[in-house]
């Protein structure tokens, strides 16, 4: 968003008359949508990785670390789905059907 837009909006809020209210509205709407689009893209990325992660966990009966799981499935994961994203999803319980087996320094995960 342009600094001039913010300045115009502050002027408007202070009671001054401005002529570019439609322009300000459009810029604010675009700024809000930008965040929504990024959030939706991130949700879609996690959703597209879910089945791959579940399939990777199905290959073992014992718990695996995030690193072990990532190494076994990384070639199948969608572009941009990093080991950090996998760790985040598992530690936050984003996907149903996955159980944390141990707590502490190293968490292990398996199918529930």
PDB file of N, CA and C in Angstrom:
ATOM      1  N   UNK A   1       0.856  -1.159   0.000  1.00  0.00           N
ATOM      2  CA  UNK A   1       0.000   0.000   0.000  1.00  0.00           C
ATOM      3  C   UNK A   1       0.910   1.232   0.000  1.00  0.00           C
ATOM      4  N   UNK A   2       0.484   2.221  -0.734  1.00  0.00           N
ATOM      5  CA  UNK A   2       1.265   3.448  -0.842  1.00  0.00           C
ATOM      6  C   UNK A   2       1.117   4.308   0.416  1.00  0.00           C
ATOM      7  N   UNK A   3       2.198   5.005   0.730  1.00  0.00           N
ATOM      8  CA  UNK A   3       2.174   5.906   1.880  1.00  0.00           C
ATOM      9  C   UNK A   3       1.139   7.010   1.681  1.00  0.00           C
ATOM     10  N   UNK A   4       0.974   7.465   0.447  1.00  0.00           N
ATOM     11  CA  UNK A   4       0.003   8.523   0.175  1.00  0.00           C
ATOM     12  C   UNK A   4      -1.424   8.068   0.493  1.00  0.00           C
ATOM     13  N   UNK A   5      -1.683   6.782   0.317  1.00  0.00           N
ATOM     14  CA  UNK A   5      -3.005   6.241   0.650  1.00  0.00           C
ATOM     15  C   UNK A   5      -3.246   6.328   2.153  1.00  0.00           C
ATOM     16  N   UNK A   6      -2.258   5.951   2.909  1.00  0.00           N
ATOM     17  CA  UNK A   6      -2.393   6.019   4.366  1.00  0.00           C
ATOM     18  C   UNK A   6      -2.562   7.467   4.816  1.00  0.00           C
ATOM     19  N   UNK A   7      -1.794   8.353   4.233  1.00  0.00           N
ATOM     20  CA  UNK A   7      -1.904   9.769   4.599  1.00  0.00           C
ATOM     21  C   UNK A   7      -3.287  10.323   4.256  1.00  0.00           C
ATOM     22  N   UNK A   8      -3.808   9.952   3.104  1.00  0.00           N
ATOM     23  CA  UNK A   8      -5.145  10.397   2.710  1.00  0.00           C
ATOM     24  C   UNK A   8      -6.205   9.845   3.653  1.00  0.00           C
ATOM     25  N   UNK A   9      -6.057   8.584   4.042  1.00  0.00           N
ATOM     26  CA  UNK A   9      -7.013   7.973   4.956  1.00  0.00           C
ATOM     27  C   UNK A   9      -6.990   8.663   6.319  1.00  0.00           C
ATOM     28  N   UNK A  10      -5.814   8.977   6.816  1.00  0.00           N
ATOM     29  CA  UNK A  10      -5.712   9.693   8.094  1.00  0.00           C
ATOM     30  C   UNK A  10      -6.357  11.062   7.978  1.00  0.00           C
ATOM     31  N   UNK A  11      -6.126  11.737   6.868  1.00  0.00           N
ATOM     32  CA  UNK A  11      -6.758  13.038   6.656  1.00  0.00           C
ATOM     33  C   UNK A  11      -8.276  12.912   6.671  1.00  0.00           C
ATOM     34  N   UNK A  12      -8.788  11.900   6.013  1.00  0.00           N
ATOM     35  CA  UNK A  12     -10.231  11.650   5.967  1.00  0.00           C
ATOM     36  C   UNK A  12     -10.776  11.396   7.373  1.00  0.00           C
ATOM     37  N   UNK A  13     -10.055  10.579   8.132  1.00  0.00           N
ATOM     38  CA  UNK A  13     -10.487  10.269   9.496  1.00  0.00           C
ATOM     39  C   UNK A  13     -10.428  11.505  10.406  1.00  0.00           C
ATOM     40  N   UNK A  14      -9.581  12.440  10.056  1.00  0.00           N
ATOM     41  CA  UNK A  14      -9.482  13.692  10.815  1.00  0.00           C
ATOM     42  C   UNK A  14     -10.490  14.733  10.350  1.00  0.00           C
ATOM     43  N   UNK A  15     -11.392  14.351   9.458  1.00  0.00           N
ATOM     44  CA  UNK A  15     -12.465  15.236   9.047  1.00  0.00           C
ATOM     45  C   UNK A  15     -12.198  16.049   7.793  1.00  0.00           C
ATOM     46  N   UNK A  16     -11.056  15.852   7.176  1.00  0.00           N
ATOM     47  CA  UNK A  16     -10.760  16.590   5.948  1.00  0.00           C
ATOM     48  C   UNK A  16     -11.486  15.950   4.763  1.00  0.00           C
ATOM     49  N   UNK A  17     -11.792  16.750   3.782  1.00  0.00           N
ATOM     50  CA  UNK A  17     -12.429  16.261   2.568  1.00  0.00           C
ATOM     51  C   UNK A  17     -11.348  15.755   1.622  1.00  0.00           C
ATOM     52  N   UNK A  18     -11.567  14.555   1.089  1.00  0.00           N
ATOM     53  CA  UNK A  18     -10.625  14.004   0.112  1.00  0.00           C
ATOM     54  C   UNK A  18     -11.397  13.600  -1.135  1.00  0.00           C
ATOM     55  N   UNK A  19     -10.689  13.545  -2.243  1.00  0.00           N
ATOM     56  CA  UNK A  19     -11.346  13.247  -3.512  1.00  0.00           C
ATOM     57  C   UNK A  19     -11.082  11.827  -4.008  1.00  0.00           C
ATOM     58  N   UNK A  20     -10.162  11.118  -3.354  1.00  0.00           N
ATOM     59  CA  UNK A  20      -9.783   9.787  -3.859  1.00  0.00           C
ATOM     60  C   UNK A  20     -10.249   8.654  -2.938  1.00  0.00           C
ATOM     61  N   UNK A  21     -11.441   8.776  -2.396  1.00  0.00           N
ATOM     62  CA  UNK A  21     -11.954   7.767  -1.471  1.00  0.00           C
ATOM     63  C   UNK A  21     -12.103   6.398  -2.148  1.00  0.00           C
ATOM     64  N   UNK A  22     -12.536   6.362  -3.394  1.00  0.00           N
ATOM     65  CA  UNK A  22     -12.660   5.081  -4.106  1.00  0.00           C
ATOM     66  C   UNK A  22     -11.300   4.415  -4.275  1.00  0.00           C
ATOM     67  N   UNK A  23     -10.292   5.209  -4.574  1.00  0.00           N
ATOM     68  CA  UNK A  23      -8.938   4.687  -4.735  1.00  0.00           C
ATOM     69  C   UNK A  23      -8.428   4.097  -3.414  1.00  0.00           C
ATOM     70  N   UNK A  24      -8.685   4.792  -2.330  1.00  0.00           N
ATOM     71  CA  UNK A  24      -8.277   4.309  -1.009  1.00  0.00           C
ATOM     72  C   UNK A  24      -8.983   3.007  -0.681  1.00  0.00           C
ATOM     73  N   UNK A  25     -10.280   2.951  -0.926  1.00  0.00           N
ATOM     74  CA  UNK A  25     -11.061   1.737  -0.668  1.00  0.00           C
ATOM     75  C   UNK A  25     -10.499   0.565  -1.467  1.00  0.00           C
ATOM     76  N   UNK A  26     -10.198   0.792  -2.736  1.00  0.00           N
ATOM     77  CA  UNK A  26      -9.667  -0.276  -3.587  1.00  0.00           C
ATOM     78  C   UNK A  26      -8.312  -0.777  -3.089  1.00  0.00           C
ATOM     79  N   UNK A  27      -7.452   0.137  -2.674  1.00  0.00           N
ATOM     80  CA  UNK A  27      -6.141  -0.268  -2.169  1.00  0.00           C
ATOM     81  C   UNK A  27      -6.261  -1.041  -0.854  1.00  0.00           C
ATOM     82  N   UNK A  28      -7.126  -0.599   0.030  1.00  0.00           N
ATOM     83  CA  UNK A  28      -7.322  -1.309   1.293  1.00  0.00           C
ATOM     84  C   UNK A  28      -7.903  -2.707   1.052  1.00  0.00           C
ATOM     85  N   UNK A  29      -8.854  -2.805   0.153  1.00  0.00           N
ATOM     86  CA  UNK A  29      -9.443  -4.102  -0.180  1.00  0.00           C
ATOM     87  C   UNK A  29      -8.391  -5.035  -0.774  1.00  0.00           C
ATOM     88  N   UNK A  30      -7.554  -4.524  -1.667  1.00  0.00           N
ATOM     89  CA  UNK A  30      -6.495  -5.333  -2.268  1.00  0.00           C
ATOM     90  C   UNK A  30      -5.502  -5.796  -1.214  1.00  0.00           C
ATOM     91  N   UNK A  31      -5.184  -4.946  -0.271  1.00  0.00           N
ATOM     92  CA  UNK A  31      -4.255  -5.310   0.805  1.00  0.00           C
ATOM     93  C   UNK A  31      -4.837  -6.424   1.673  1.00  0.00           C
ATOM     94  N   UNK A  32      -6.111  -6.346   1.988  1.00  0.00           N
ATOM     95  CA  UNK A  32      -6.756  -7.392   2.771  1.00  0.00           C
ATOM     96  C   UNK A  32      -6.816  -8.709   2.012  1.00  0.00           C
ATOM     97  N   UNK A  33      -7.116  -8.644   0.749  1.00  0.00           N
ATOM     98  CA  UNK A  33      -7.203  -9.859  -0.064  1.00  0.00           C
ATOM     99  C   UNK A  33      -5.848 -10.529  -0.229  1.00  0.00           C
ATOM    100  N   UNK A  34      -4.785  -9.721  -0.264  1.00  0.00           N
ATOM    101  CA  UNK A  34      -3.451 -10.277  -0.418  1.00  0.00           C
ATOM    102  C   UNK A  34      -3.162 -11.260   0.718  1.00  0.00           C
ATOM    103  N   UNK A  35      -3.497 -10.885   1.926  1.00  0.00           N
ATOM    104  CA  UNK A  35      -3.296 -11.769   3.061  1.00  0.00           C
ATOM    105  C   UNK A  35      -4.165 -13.006   2.994  1.00  0.00           C
ATOM    106  N   UNK A  36      -5.397 -12.835   2.539  1.00  0.00           N
ATOM    107  CA  UNK A  36      -6.317 -13.962   2.416  1.00  0.00           C
ATOM    108  C   UNK A  36      -5.820 -14.956   1.369  1.00  0.00           C
ATOM    109  N   UNK A  37      -5.324 -14.449   0.256  1.00  0.00           N
ATOM    110  CA  UNK A  37      -4.835 -15.322  -0.807  1.00  0.00           C
ATOM    111  C   UNK A  37      -3.619 -16.123  -0.344  1.00  0.00           C
ATOM    112  N   UNK A  38      -2.721 -15.465   0.383  1.00  0.00           N
ATOM    113  CA  UNK A  38      -1.538 -16.146   0.891  1.00  0.00           C
ATOM    114  C   UNK A  38      -1.934 -17.226   1.891  1.00  0.00           C
ATOM    115  N   UNK A  39      -2.866 -16.920   2.773  1.00  0.00           N
ATOM    116  CA  UNK A  39      -3.324 -17.893   3.769  1.00  0.00           C
ATOM    117  C   UNK A  39      -3.993 -19.083   3.089  1.00  0.00           C
ATOM    118  N   UNK A  40      -4.806 -18.832   2.071  1.00  0.00           N
ATOM    119  CA  UNK A  40      -5.474 -19.924   1.361  1.00  0.00           C
ATOM    120  C   UNK A  40      -4.462 -20.791   0.622  1.00  0.00           C
ATOM    121  N   UNK A  41      -3.465 -20.175   0.017  1.00  0.00           N
ATOM    122  CA  UNK A  41      -2.425 -20.939  -0.679  1.00  0.00           C
ATOM    123  C   UNK A  41      -1.680 -21.834   0.308  1.00  0.00           C
ATOM    124  N   UNK A  42      -1.437 -21.327   1.507  1.00  0.00           N
ATOM    125  CA  UNK A  42      -0.757 -22.114   2.530  1.00  0.00           C
ATOM    126  C   UNK A  42      -1.638 -23.282   2.996  1.00  0.00           C
ATOM    127  N   UNK A  43      -2.928 -23.027   3.189  1.00  0.00           N
ATOM    128  CA  UNK A  43      -3.850 -24.113   3.571  1.00  0.00           C
ATOM    129  C   UNK A  43      -3.900 -25.182   2.481  1.00  0.00           C
ATOM    130  N   UNK A  44      -3.920 -24.751   1.223  1.00  0.00           N
ATOM    131  CA  UNK A  44      -3.946 -25.699   0.106  1.00  0.00           C
ATOM    132  C   UNK A  44      -2.668 -26.542   0.064  1.00  0.00           C
ATOM    133  N   UNK A  45      -1.530 -25.919   0.363  1.00  0.00           N
ATOM    134  CA  UNK A  45      -0.257 -26.638   0.365  1.00  0.00           C
ATOM    135  C   UNK A  45      -0.262 -27.724   1.439  1.00  0.00           C
ATOM    136  N   UNK A  46      -0.713 -27.389   2.639  1.00  0.00           N
ATOM    137  CA  UNK A  46      -0.783 -28.386   3.715  1.00  0.00           C
ATOM    138  C   UNK A  46      -1.760 -29.501   3.356  1.00  0.00           C
ATOM    139  N   UNK A  47      -2.879 -29.143   2.768  1.00  0.00           N
ATOM    140  CA  UNK A  47      -3.869 -30.159   2.397  1.00  0.00           C
ATOM    141  C   UNK A  47      -3.324 -31.100   1.323  1.00  0.00           C
ATOM    142  N   UNK A  48      -2.571 -30.561   0.370  1.00  0.00           N
ATOM    143  CA  UNK A  48      -2.029 -31.408  -0.688  1.00  0.00           C
ATOM    144  C   UNK A  48      -0.937 -32.344  -0.169  1.00  0.00           C
ATOM    145  N   UNK A  49      -0.326 -32.023   0.944  1.00  0.00           N
ATOM    146  CA  UNK A  49       0.720 -32.876   1.518  1.00  0.00           C
ATOM    147  C   UNK A  49       0.148 -33.945   2.452  1.00  0.00           C
ATOM    148  N   UNK A  50      -1.060 -33.750   2.915  1.00  0.00           N
ATOM    149  CA  UNK A  50      -1.646 -34.628   3.935  1.00  0.00           C
ATOM    150  C   UNK A  50      -1.625 -36.104   3.549  1.00  0.00           C
ATOM    151  N   UNK A  51      -2.135 -36.446   2.393  1.00  0.00           N
ATOM    152  CA  UNK A  51      -2.213 -37.856   1.981  1.00  0.00           C
ATOM    153  C   UNK A  51      -0.822 -38.464   1.815  1.00  0.00           C
ATOM    154  N   UNK A  52       0.126 -37.687   1.361  1.00  0.00           N
ATOM    155  CA  UNK A  52       1.499 -38.167   1.185  1.00  0.00           C
ATOM    156  C   UNK A  52       2.104 -38.492   2.549  1.00  0.00           C
ATOM    157  N   UNK A  53       1.866 -37.621   3.521  1.00  0.00           N
ATOM    158  CA  UNK A  53       2.371 -37.839   4.880  1.00  0.00           C
ATOM    159  C   UNK A  53       1.724 -39.080   5.485  1.00  0.00           C
ATOM    160  N   UNK A  54       0.424 -39.204   5.343  1.00  0.00           N
ATOM    161  CA  UNK A  54      -0.268 -40.383   5.879  1.00  0.00           C
ATOM    162  C   UNK A  54       0.245 -41.667   5.237  1.00  0.00           C
ATOM    163  N   UNK A  55       0.496 -41.627   3.945  1.00  0.00           N
ATOM    164  CA  UNK A  55       1.028 -42.801   3.251  1.00  0.00           C
ATOM    165  C   UNK A  55       2.430 -43.129   3.756  1.00  0.00           C
ATOM    166  N   UNK A  56       3.223 -42.115   3.999  1.00  0.00           N
ATOM    167  CA  UNK A  56       4.565 -42.332   4.538  1.00  0.00           C
ATOM    168  C   UNK A  56       4.534 -42.950   5.919  1.00  0.00           C
ATOM    169  N   UNK A  57       3.602 -42.508   6.744  1.00  0.00           N
ATOM    170  CA  UNK A  57       3.469 -43.081   8.085  1.00  0.00           C
ATOM    171  C   UNK A  57       2.920 -44.501   8.044  1.00  0.00           C
ATOM    172  N   UNK A  58       2.130 -44.815   7.024  1.00  0.00           N
ATOM    173  CA  UNK A  58       1.542 -46.146   6.904  1.00  0.00           C
ATOM    174  C   UNK A  58       2.599 -47.205   6.615  1.00  0.00           C
ATOM    175  N   UNK A  59       3.759 -46.782   6.162  1.00  0.00           N
ATOM    176  CA  UNK A  59       4.811 -47.731   5.810  1.00  0.00           C
ATOM    177  C   UNK A  59       5.563 -48.261   7.024  1.00  0.00           C
ATOM    178  N   UNK A  60       5.285 -47.747   8.196  1.00  0.00           N
ATOM    179  CA  UNK A  60       5.991 -48.189   9.397  1.00  0.00           C
ATOM    180  C   UNK A  60       5.006 -48.440  10.535  1.00  0.00           C
ATOM    181  N   UNK A  61       5.342 -49.389  11.389  1.00  0.00           N
ATOM    182  CA  UNK A  61       4.504 -49.685  12.556  1.00  0.00           C
ATOM    183  C   UNK A  61       4.997 -48.957  13.798  1.00  0.00           C
ATOM    184  N   UNK A  62       6.209 -48.457  13.724  1.00  0.00           N
ATOM    185  CA  UNK A  62       6.786 -47.754  14.870  1.00  0.00           C
ATOM    186  C   UNK A  62       6.800 -46.264  14.579  1.00  0.00           C
ATOM    187  N   UNK A  63       7.000 -45.491  15.610  1.00  0.00           N
ATOM    188  CA  UNK A  63       7.067 -44.051  15.420  1.00  0.00           C
ATOM    189  C   UNK A  63       8.319 -43.635  14.682  1.00  0.00           C
ATOM    190  N   UNK A  64       8.202 -42.558  13.916  1.00  0.00           N
ATOM    191  CA  UNK A  64       9.346 -42.009  13.188  1.00  0.00           C
ATOM    192  C   UNK A  64       9.492 -40.542  13.548  1.00  0.00           C
ATOM    193  N   UNK A  65      10.714 -40.058  13.422  1.00  0.00           N
ATOM    194  CA  UNK A  65      10.966 -38.644  13.653  1.00  0.00           C
ATOM    195  C   UNK A  65      10.534 -37.854  12.429  1.00  0.00           C
ATOM    196  N   UNK A  66      10.441 -36.561  12.590  1.00  0.00           N
ATOM    197  CA  UNK A  66      10.119 -35.691  11.459  1.00  0.00           C
ATOM    198  C   UNK A  66      11.172 -35.859  10.373  1.00  0.00           C
ATOM    199  N   UNK A  67      12.442 -35.912  10.762  1.00  0.00           N
ATOM    200  CA  UNK A  67      13.529 -36.050   9.781  1.00  0.00           C
ATOM    201  C   UNK A  67      13.418 -37.351   9.007  1.00  0.00           C
ATOM    202  N   UNK A  68      13.160 -38.455   9.709  1.00  0.00           N
ATOM    203  CA  UNK A  68      13.030 -39.750   9.042  1.00  0.00           C
ATOM    204  C   UNK A  68      11.843 -39.745   8.082  1.00  0.00           C
ATOM    205  N   UNK A  69      10.740 -39.221   8.530  1.00  0.00           N
ATOM    206  CA  UNK A  69       9.553 -39.165   7.679  1.00  0.00           C
ATOM    207  C   UNK A  69       9.796 -38.282   6.465  1.00  0.00           C
ATOM    208  N   UNK A  70      10.367 -37.109   6.692  1.00  0.00           N
ATOM    209  CA  UNK A  70      10.616 -36.190   5.587  1.00  0.00           C
ATOM    210  C   UNK A  70      11.540 -36.826   4.549  1.00  0.00           C
ATOM    211  N   UNK A  71      12.599 -37.479   5.004  1.00  0.00           N
ATOM    212  CA  UNK A  71      13.530 -38.132   4.070  1.00  0.00           C
ATOM    213  C   UNK A  71      12.823 -39.177   3.211  1.00  0.00           C
ATOM    214  N   UNK A  72      11.870 -39.881   3.798  1.00  0.00           N
ATOM    215  CA  UNK A  72      11.205 -40.959   3.064  1.00  0.00           C
ATOM    216  C   UNK A  72      10.150 -40.461   2.071  1.00  0.00           C
ATOM    217  N   UNK A  73       9.632 -39.253   2.275  1.00  0.00           N
ATOM    218  CA  UNK A  73       8.546 -38.781   1.413  1.00  0.00           C
ATOM    219  C   UNK A  73       8.877 -37.501   0.644  1.00  0.00           C
ATOM    220  N   UNK A  74      10.053 -36.937   0.847  1.00  0.00           N
ATOM    221  CA  UNK A  74      10.346 -35.610   0.297  1.00  0.00           C
ATOM    222  C   UNK A  74      10.214 -35.519  -1.220  1.00  0.00           C
ATOM    223  N   UNK A  75      10.499 -36.597  -1.926  1.00  0.00           N
ATOM    224  CA  UNK A  75      10.385 -36.563  -3.384  1.00  0.00           C
ATOM    225  C   UNK A  75       8.936 -36.494  -3.860  1.00  0.00           C
ATOM    226  N   UNK A  76       8.000 -36.861  -3.008  1.00  0.00           N
ATOM    227  CA  UNK A  76       6.587 -36.864  -3.376  1.00  0.00           C
ATOM    228  C   UNK A  76       5.826 -35.632  -2.902  1.00  0.00           C
ATOM    229  N   UNK A  77       6.438 -34.869  -2.019  1.00  0.00           N
ATOM    230  CA  UNK A  77       5.758 -33.697  -1.456  1.00  0.00           C
ATOM    231  C   UNK A  77       5.637 -32.577  -2.483  1.00  0.00           C
ATOM    232  N   UNK A  78       4.615 -31.761  -2.354  1.00  0.00           N
ATOM    233  CA  UNK A  78       4.463 -30.636  -3.287  1.00  0.00           C
ATOM    234  C   UNK A  78       5.607 -29.632  -3.112  1.00  0.00           C
ATOM    235  N   UNK A  79       5.894 -28.929  -4.160  1.00  0.00           N
ATOM    236  CA  UNK A  79       6.965 -27.927  -4.128  1.00  0.00           C
ATOM    237  C   UNK A  79       6.663 -26.889  -3.046  1.00  0.00           C
ATOM    238  N   UNK A  80       7.667 -26.588  -2.261  1.00  0.00           N
ATOM    239  CA  UNK A  80       7.505 -25.600  -1.209  1.00  0.00           C
ATOM    240  C   UNK A  80       7.133 -26.190   0.135  1.00  0.00           C
ATOM    241  N   UNK A  81       6.852 -27.486   0.183  1.00  0.00           N
ATOM    242  CA  UNK A  81       6.518 -28.112   1.458  1.00  0.00           C
ATOM    243  C   UNK A  81       7.806 -28.616   2.083  1.00  0.00           C
ATOM    244  N   UNK A  82       8.311 -27.866   3.031  1.00  0.00           N
ATOM    245  CA  UNK A  82       9.613 -28.115   3.628  1.00  0.00           C
ATOM    246  C   UNK A  82       9.520 -29.016   4.856  1.00  0.00           C
ATOM    247  N   UNK A  83      10.685 -29.403   5.335  1.00  0.00           N
ATOM    248  CA  UNK A  83      10.758 -30.182   6.569  1.00  0.00           C
ATOM    249  C   UNK A  83      10.191 -29.368   7.732  1.00  0.00           C
ATOM    250  N   UNK A  84      10.417 -28.073   7.725  1.00  0.00           N
ATOM    251  CA  UNK A  84       9.866 -27.209   8.759  1.00  0.00           C
ATOM    252  C   UNK A  84       8.347 -27.199   8.751  1.00  0.00           C
ATOM    253  N   UNK A  85       7.748 -27.178   7.569  1.00  0.00           N
ATOM    254  CA  UNK A  85       6.289 -27.211   7.463  1.00  0.00           C
ATOM    255  C   UNK A  85       5.747 -28.556   7.959  1.00  0.00           C
ATOM    256  N   UNK A  86       6.473 -29.625   7.644  1.00  0.00           N
ATOM    257  CA  UNK A  86       6.069 -30.944   8.128  1.00  0.00           C
ATOM    258  C   UNK A  86       6.122 -30.979   9.650  1.00  0.00           C
ATOM    259  N   UNK A  87       7.189 -30.491  10.224  1.00  0.00           N
ATOM    260  CA  UNK A  87       7.331 -30.444  11.671  1.00  0.00           C
ATOM    261  C   UNK A  87       6.212 -29.613  12.309  1.00  0.00           C
ATOM    262  N   UNK A  88       5.917 -28.482  11.718  1.00  0.00           N
ATOM    263  CA  UNK A  88       4.847 -27.618  12.222  1.00  0.00           C
ATOM    264  C   UNK A  88       3.503 -28.357  12.207  1.00  0.00           C
ATOM    265  N   UNK A  89       3.198 -28.984  11.083  1.00  0.00           N
ATOM    266  CA  UNK A  89       1.911 -29.675  10.944  1.00  0.00           C
ATOM    267  C   UNK A  89       1.778 -30.817  11.945  1.00  0.00           C
ATOM    268  N   UNK A  90       2.837 -31.587  12.109  1.00  0.00           N
ATOM    269  CA  UNK A  90       2.777 -32.715  13.029  1.00  0.00           C
ATOM    270  C   UNK A  90       2.709 -32.257  14.484  1.00  0.00           C
ATOM    271  N   UNK A  91       3.502 -31.273  14.839  1.00  0.00           N
ATOM    272  CA  UNK A  91       3.535 -30.827  16.232  1.00  0.00           C
ATOM    273  C   UNK A  91       2.250 -30.108  16.635  1.00  0.00           C
ATOM    274  N   UNK A  92       1.550 -29.531  15.671  1.00  0.00           N
ATOM    275  CA  UNK A  92       0.300 -28.818  15.966  1.00  0.00           C
ATOM    276  C   UNK A  92      -0.939 -29.689  15.771  1.00  0.00           C
ATOM    277  N   UNK A  93      -0.738 -30.938  15.352  1.00  0.00           N
ATOM    278  CA  UNK A  93      -1.868 -31.849  15.164  1.00  0.00           C
ATOM    279  C   UNK A  93      -2.810 -31.400  14.057  1.00  0.00           C
ATOM    280  N   UNK A  94      -2.250 -30.911  12.951  1.00  0.00           N
ATOM    281  CA  UNK A  94      -3.075 -30.389  11.857  1.00  0.00           C
ATOM    282  C   UNK A  94      -3.904 -31.462  11.168  1.00  0.00           C
ATOM    283  N   UNK A  95      -3.398 -32.671  11.146  1.00  0.00           N
ATOM    284  CA  UNK A  95      -4.070 -33.743  10.425  1.00  0.00           C
ATOM    285  C   UNK A  95      -4.553 -34.807  11.397  1.00  0.00           C
ATOM    286  N   UNK A  96      -5.781 -35.222  11.226  1.00  0.00           N
ATOM    287  CA  UNK A  96      -6.332 -36.300  12.053  1.00  0.00           C
ATOM    288  C   UNK A  96      -5.695 -37.617  11.659  1.00  0.00           C
ATOM    289  N   UNK A  97      -5.630 -38.528  12.623  1.00  0.00           N
ATOM    290  CA  UNK A  97      -5.124 -39.864  12.335  1.00  0.00           C
ATOM    291  C   UNK A  97      -3.643 -40.029  12.595  1.00  0.00           C
ATOM    292  N   UNK A  98      -2.993 -39.002  13.137  1.00  0.00           N
ATOM    293  CA  UNK A  98      -1.573 -39.080  13.449  1.00  0.00           C
ATOM    294  C   UNK A  98      -1.410 -38.893  14.952  1.00  0.00           C
ATOM    295  N   UNK A  99      -0.603 -39.759  15.532  1.00  0.00           N
ATOM    296  CA  UNK A  99      -0.411 -39.745  16.979  1.00  0.00           C
ATOM    297  C   UNK A  99       1.053 -39.450  17.316  1.00  0.00           C
ATOM    298  N   UNK A 100       1.256 -38.630  18.336  1.00  0.00           N
ATOM    299  CA  UNK A 100       2.601 -38.383  18.852  1.00  0.00           C
ATOM    300  C   UNK A 100       2.896 -39.482  19.854  1.00  0.00           C
ATOM    301  N   UNK A 101       3.964 -40.242  19.601  1.00  0.00           N
ATOM    302  CA  UNK A 101       4.284 -41.398  20.420  1.00  0.00           C
ATOM    303  C   UNK A 101       5.109 -41.010  21.637  1.00  0.00           C
ATOM    304  N   UNK A 102       5.999 -40.084  21.513  1.00  0.00           N
ATOM    305  CA  UNK A 102       6.839 -39.707  22.642  1.00  0.00           C
ATOM    306  C   UNK A 102       6.965 -38.201  22.709  1.00  0.00           C
ATOM    307  N   UNK A 103       7.308 -37.734  23.858  1.00  0.00           N
ATOM    308  CA  UNK A 103       7.520 -36.300  24.066  1.00  0.00           C
ATOM    309  C   UNK A 103       8.960 -36.125  24.524  1.00  0.00           C
ATOM    310  N   UNK A 104       9.425 -34.937  24.474  1.00  0.00           N
ATOM    311  CA  UNK A 104      10.783 -34.669  24.917  1.00  0.00           C
ATOM    312  C   UNK A 104      11.584 -34.049  23.805  1.00  0.00           C
ATOM    313  N   UNK A 105      12.857 -34.360  23.809  1.00  0.00           N
ATOM    314  CA  UNK A 105      13.742 -33.774  22.795  1.00  0.00           C
ATOM    315  C   UNK A 105      13.363 -34.233  21.394  1.00  0.00           C
ATOM    316  N   UNK A 106      13.005 -35.487  21.254  1.00  0.00           N
ATOM    317  CA  UNK A 106      12.673 -36.026  19.936  1.00  0.00           C
ATOM    318  C   UNK A 106      11.268 -36.613  19.981  1.00  0.00           C
ATOM    319  N   UNK A 107      10.380 -36.037  19.212  1.00  0.00           N
ATOM    320  CA  UNK A 107       9.030 -36.585  19.118  1.00  0.00           C
ATOM    321  C   UNK A 107       8.981 -37.614  18.011  1.00  0.00           C
ATOM    322  N   UNK A 108       8.228 -38.659  18.236  1.00  0.00           N
ATOM    323  CA  UNK A 108       7.997 -39.680  17.227  1.00  0.00           C
ATOM    324  C   UNK A 108       6.523 -39.646  16.857  1.00  0.00           C
ATOM    325  N   UNK A 109       6.244 -39.908  15.594  1.00  0.00           N
ATOM    326  CA  UNK A 109       4.876 -39.876  15.098  1.00  0.00           C
ATOM    327  C   UNK A 109       4.547 -41.171  14.386  1.00  0.00           C
ATOM    328  N   UNK A 110       3.280 -41.578  14.499  1.00  0.00           N
ATOM    329  CA  UNK A 110       2.792 -42.779  13.803  1.00  0.00           C
ATOM    330  C   UNK A 110       1.300 -42.590  13.535  1.00  0.00           C
ATOM    331  N   UNK A 111       0.740 -43.482  12.753  1.00  0.00           N
ATOM    332  CA  UNK A 111      -0.699 -43.449  12.529  1.00  0.00           C
ATOM    333  C   UNK A 111      -1.404 -43.843  13.804  1.00  0.00           C
ATOM    334  N   UNK A 112      -2.491 -43.197  14.088  1.00  0.00           N
ATOM    335  CA  UNK A 112      -3.246 -43.478  15.313  1.00  0.00           C
ATOM    336  C   UNK A 112      -3.998 -44.781  15.188  1.00  0.00           C
TER     337      UNK A 112
END
